[in-house]
Amino acid sequence: MIVASKGGYGRHPAWYHNLRAHPDTTVQVKAEILPVRARIADPAERRRLWPRVVRTYSQFEHYQQRTPREIPLVILEPRRSA
């Protein structure tokens, strides 16, 4: 999961829009490149995950308070490579 906070800025980060338009992508974890599909957490997932996000990095709560937009949580699900 990744957080589209942009530090609480009023607009979503550019990479968020790119993932919305092209959800099939790759991520690199150390030396391994993994194919993933990005999707936005649904409301129930967000309610469950947001407290975990804030516990991991409390500044996200401050970012959410700075902006009227809901900060998206982007789920990266493994996919088979083509």
N, C-alpha and C. Protein backbone atom coordinates (compact mmCIF):
# COMPACT_ATOMS: atom_id res chain seq x y z
N MET A 1 0.84 -1.17 0.00
CA MET A 1 0.00 0.00 0.00
C MET A 1 0.89 1.24 0.00
N ILE A 2 0.44 2.24 -0.72
CA ILE A 2 1.11 3.53 -0.73
C ILE A 2 0.07 4.62 -0.46
N VAL A 3 0.52 5.74 0.04
CA VAL A 3 -0.36 6.82 0.48
C VAL A 3 -0.15 8.04 -0.41
N ALA A 4 -1.23 8.52 -1.02
CA ALA A 4 -1.16 9.66 -1.93
C ALA A 4 -1.37 10.96 -1.16
N SER A 5 -0.48 11.24 -0.22
CA SER A 5 -0.68 12.38 0.68
C SER A 5 -0.23 13.71 0.09
N LYS A 6 0.88 13.71 -0.60
CA LYS A 6 1.50 14.94 -1.11
C LYS A 6 1.61 15.98 0.00
N GLY A 7 1.88 15.51 1.22
CA GLY A 7 2.10 16.41 2.35
C GLY A 7 0.88 17.23 2.75
N GLY A 8 -0.31 16.75 2.35
CA GLY A 8 -1.53 17.49 2.69
C GLY A 8 -1.86 18.59 1.69
N TYR A 9 -1.15 18.63 0.57
CA TYR A 9 -1.44 19.59 -0.48
C TYR A 9 -2.87 19.40 -0.99
N GLY A 10 -3.46 20.42 -1.55
CA GLY A 10 -4.85 20.39 -1.97
C GLY A 10 -5.17 19.52 -3.17
N ARG A 11 -4.16 19.06 -3.88
CA ARG A 11 -4.38 18.20 -5.05
C ARG A 11 -3.65 16.88 -4.87
N HIS A 12 -4.17 15.85 -5.52
CA HIS A 12 -3.50 14.56 -5.50
C HIS A 12 -2.15 14.67 -6.22
N PRO A 13 -1.18 13.86 -5.82
CA PRO A 13 0.11 13.87 -6.51
C PRO A 13 -0.03 13.34 -7.95
N ALA A 14 0.86 13.76 -8.82
CA ALA A 14 0.80 13.36 -10.23
C ALA A 14 0.87 11.85 -10.38
N TRP A 15 1.69 11.18 -9.57
CA TRP A 15 1.82 9.73 -9.71
C TRP A 15 0.49 9.03 -9.44
N TYR A 16 -0.34 9.61 -8.58
CA TYR A 16 -1.66 9.02 -8.29
C TYR A 16 -2.51 9.01 -9.56
N HIS A 17 -2.52 10.13 -10.27
CA HIS A 17 -3.28 10.21 -11.52
C HIS A 17 -2.72 9.24 -12.56
N ASN A 18 -1.40 9.10 -12.60
CA ASN A 18 -0.78 8.15 -13.53
C ASN A 18 -1.21 6.72 -13.21
N LEU A 19 -1.24 6.37 -11.93
CA LEU A 19 -1.67 5.02 -11.57
C LEU A 19 -3.15 4.79 -11.85
N ARG A 20 -3.96 5.82 -11.68
CA ARG A 20 -5.38 5.69 -12.02
C ARG A 20 -5.54 5.41 -13.51
N ALA A 21 -4.77 6.08 -14.33
CA ALA A 21 -4.87 5.91 -15.78
C ALA A 21 -4.21 4.60 -16.25
N HIS A 22 -3.17 4.18 -15.54
CA HIS A 22 -2.40 2.99 -15.93
C HIS A 22 -2.10 2.16 -14.68
N PRO A 23 -3.08 1.39 -14.20
CA PRO A 23 -2.90 0.69 -12.92
C PRO A 23 -1.91 -0.48 -12.96
N ASP A 24 -1.63 -1.02 -14.13
CA ASP A 24 -0.64 -2.09 -14.21
C ASP A 24 0.75 -1.47 -14.29
N THR A 25 1.56 -1.77 -13.29
CA THR A 25 2.89 -1.16 -13.20
C THR A 25 3.83 -2.13 -12.49
N THR A 26 4.98 -1.65 -12.14
CA THR A 26 5.93 -2.45 -11.38
C THR A 26 6.42 -1.63 -10.19
N VAL A 27 6.84 -2.32 -9.16
CA VAL A 27 7.50 -1.69 -8.02
C VAL A 27 8.81 -2.44 -7.77
N GLN A 28 9.75 -1.73 -7.22
CA GLN A 28 11.02 -2.36 -6.89
C GLN A 28 11.14 -2.44 -5.38
N VAL A 29 11.37 -3.65 -4.88
CA VAL A 29 11.61 -3.90 -3.47
C VAL A 29 13.01 -4.49 -3.37
N LYS A 30 13.92 -3.66 -2.87
CA LYS A 30 15.35 -3.97 -2.87
C LYS A 30 15.76 -4.25 -4.31
N ALA A 31 16.26 -5.44 -4.62
CA ALA A 31 16.73 -5.73 -5.98
C ALA A 31 15.65 -6.36 -6.86
N GLU A 32 14.50 -6.65 -6.29
CA GLU A 32 13.45 -7.37 -7.02
C GLU A 32 12.41 -6.40 -7.61
N ILE A 33 12.10 -6.59 -8.88
CA ILE A 33 11.07 -5.80 -9.56
C ILE A 33 9.83 -6.67 -9.66
N LEU A 34 8.72 -6.16 -9.12
CA LEU A 34 7.49 -6.94 -9.02
C LEU A 34 6.37 -6.30 -9.83
N PRO A 35 5.65 -7.08 -10.63
CA PRO A 35 4.49 -6.54 -11.35
C PRO A 35 3.31 -6.41 -10.38
N VAL A 36 2.64 -5.27 -10.40
CA VAL A 36 1.50 -5.03 -9.52
C VAL A 36 0.38 -4.33 -10.29
N ARG A 37 -0.80 -4.40 -9.70
CA ARG A 37 -1.95 -3.62 -10.18
C ARG A 37 -2.35 -2.71 -9.03
N ALA A 38 -2.48 -1.43 -9.33
CA ALA A 38 -2.85 -0.44 -8.31
C ALA A 38 -4.36 -0.24 -8.33
N ARG A 39 -4.92 -0.13 -7.14
CA ARG A 39 -6.33 0.21 -7.00
C ARG A 39 -6.50 1.03 -5.74
N ILE A 40 -7.54 1.83 -5.72
CA ILE A 40 -7.81 2.68 -4.56
C ILE A 40 -8.58 1.86 -3.52
N ALA A 41 -8.16 1.98 -2.27
CA ALA A 41 -8.87 1.28 -1.20
C ALA A 41 -10.33 1.74 -1.17
N ASP A 42 -11.23 0.77 -1.05
CA ASP A 42 -12.65 1.14 -0.94
C ASP A 42 -12.89 1.72 0.46
N PRO A 43 -14.07 2.30 0.70
CA PRO A 43 -14.31 2.96 1.99
C PRO A 43 -14.10 2.05 3.21
N ALA A 44 -14.53 0.80 3.13
CA ALA A 44 -14.34 -0.12 4.26
C ALA A 44 -12.86 -0.41 4.49
N GLU A 45 -12.12 -0.62 3.41
CA GLU A 45 -10.68 -0.85 3.53
C GLU A 45 -9.99 0.36 4.12
N ARG A 46 -10.39 1.54 3.67
CA ARG A 46 -9.77 2.77 4.17
C ARG A 46 -10.00 2.93 5.67
N ARG A 47 -11.24 2.68 6.10
CA ARG A 47 -11.54 2.78 7.54
C ARG A 47 -10.66 1.83 8.36
N ARG A 48 -10.41 0.67 7.82
CA ARG A 48 -9.58 -0.32 8.51
C ARG A 48 -8.10 0.04 8.43
N LEU A 49 -7.65 0.52 7.27
CA LEU A 49 -6.22 0.74 7.06
C LEU A 49 -5.71 2.09 7.55
N TRP A 50 -6.55 3.12 7.51
CA TRP A 50 -6.07 4.46 7.88
C TRP A 50 -5.43 4.50 9.27
N PRO A 51 -6.05 3.90 10.30
CA PRO A 51 -5.39 3.92 11.62
C PRO A 51 -4.01 3.26 11.60
N ARG A 52 -3.84 2.22 10.82
CA ARG A 52 -2.53 1.57 10.71
C ARG A 52 -1.52 2.50 10.03
N VAL A 53 -1.98 3.21 9.02
CA VAL A 53 -1.11 4.17 8.33
C VAL A 53 -0.62 5.24 9.31
N VAL A 54 -1.53 5.78 10.09
CA VAL A 54 -1.19 6.84 11.05
C VAL A 54 -0.28 6.30 12.15
N ARG A 55 -0.51 5.06 12.59
CA ARG A 55 0.39 4.48 13.60
C ARG A 55 1.80 4.31 13.04
N THR A 56 1.90 4.00 11.75
CA THR A 56 3.21 3.82 11.13
C THR A 56 3.93 5.15 10.96
N TYR A 57 3.17 6.18 10.56
CA TYR A 57 3.75 7.52 10.35
C TYR A 57 2.71 8.55 10.74
N SER A 58 2.80 9.06 11.95
CA SER A 58 1.75 9.92 12.51
C SER A 58 1.55 11.21 11.73
N GLN A 59 2.53 11.63 10.96
CA GLN A 59 2.40 12.87 10.19
C GLN A 59 1.27 12.80 9.17
N PHE A 60 0.87 11.60 8.74
CA PHE A 60 -0.24 11.47 7.79
C PHE A 60 -1.52 12.07 8.36
N GLU A 61 -1.73 11.95 9.65
CA GLU A 61 -2.92 12.54 10.26
C GLU A 61 -2.90 14.06 10.11
N HIS A 62 -1.75 14.66 10.31
CA HIS A 62 -1.59 16.11 10.12
C HIS A 62 -1.86 16.48 8.67
N TYR A 63 -1.33 15.69 7.74
CA TYR A 63 -1.56 15.95 6.32
C TYR A 63 -3.05 15.93 6.00
N GLN A 64 -3.77 14.93 6.56
CA GLN A 64 -5.20 14.83 6.29
C GLN A 64 -5.95 16.05 6.84
N GLN A 65 -5.52 16.56 7.97
CA GLN A 65 -6.17 17.73 8.56
C GLN A 65 -5.90 18.99 7.74
N ARG A 66 -4.80 19.04 6.99
CA ARG A 66 -4.43 20.21 6.20
C ARG A 66 -5.22 20.34 4.90
N THR A 67 -5.86 19.27 4.46
CA THR A 67 -6.49 19.29 3.14
C THR A 67 -7.96 18.86 3.22
N PRO A 68 -8.81 19.45 2.38
CA PRO A 68 -10.21 19.01 2.35
C PRO A 68 -10.39 17.70 1.58
N ARG A 69 -9.39 17.31 0.76
CA ARG A 69 -9.53 16.08 0.00
C ARG A 69 -9.25 14.87 0.90
N GLU A 70 -9.88 13.76 0.60
CA GLU A 70 -9.56 12.53 1.32
C GLU A 70 -8.27 11.97 0.71
N ILE A 71 -7.29 11.76 1.54
CA ILE A 71 -6.02 11.23 1.06
C ILE A 71 -6.22 9.76 0.69
N PRO A 72 -5.99 9.43 -0.58
CA PRO A 72 -6.20 8.06 -1.03
C PRO A 72 -5.13 7.09 -0.52
N LEU A 73 -5.60 5.89 -0.23
CA LEU A 73 -4.70 4.78 0.04
C LEU A 73 -4.73 3.90 -1.20
N VAL A 74 -3.58 3.66 -1.76
CA VAL A 74 -3.48 2.90 -3.00
C VAL A 74 -2.95 1.51 -2.67
N ILE A 75 -3.77 0.51 -2.98
CA ILE A 75 -3.39 -0.89 -2.74
C ILE A 75 -2.64 -1.38 -3.98
N LEU A 76 -1.50 -1.98 -3.76
CA LEU A 76 -0.71 -2.57 -4.84
C LEU A 76 -0.81 -4.09 -4.72
N GLU A 77 -1.55 -4.68 -5.65
CA GLU A 77 -1.77 -6.12 -5.62
C GLU A 77 -0.86 -6.82 -6.62
N PRO A 78 -0.26 -7.93 -6.22
CA PRO A 78 0.60 -8.65 -7.16
C PRO A 78 -0.18 -9.11 -8.39
N ARG A 79 0.49 -9.10 -9.51
CA ARG A 79 -0.10 -9.64 -10.74
C ARG A 79 0.95 -10.46 -11.45
N ARG A 80 0.48 -11.30 -12.31
CA ARG A 80 1.42 -12.10 -13.10
C ARG A 80 2.03 -11.23 -14.17
N SER A 81 3.31 -11.38 -14.39
CA SER A 81 3.95 -10.60 -15.46
C SER A 81 3.49 -11.15 -16.80
N ALA A 82 3.50 -10.27 -17.80
CA ALA A 82 3.02 -10.64 -19.14
C ALA A 82 3.97 -11.57 -19.85
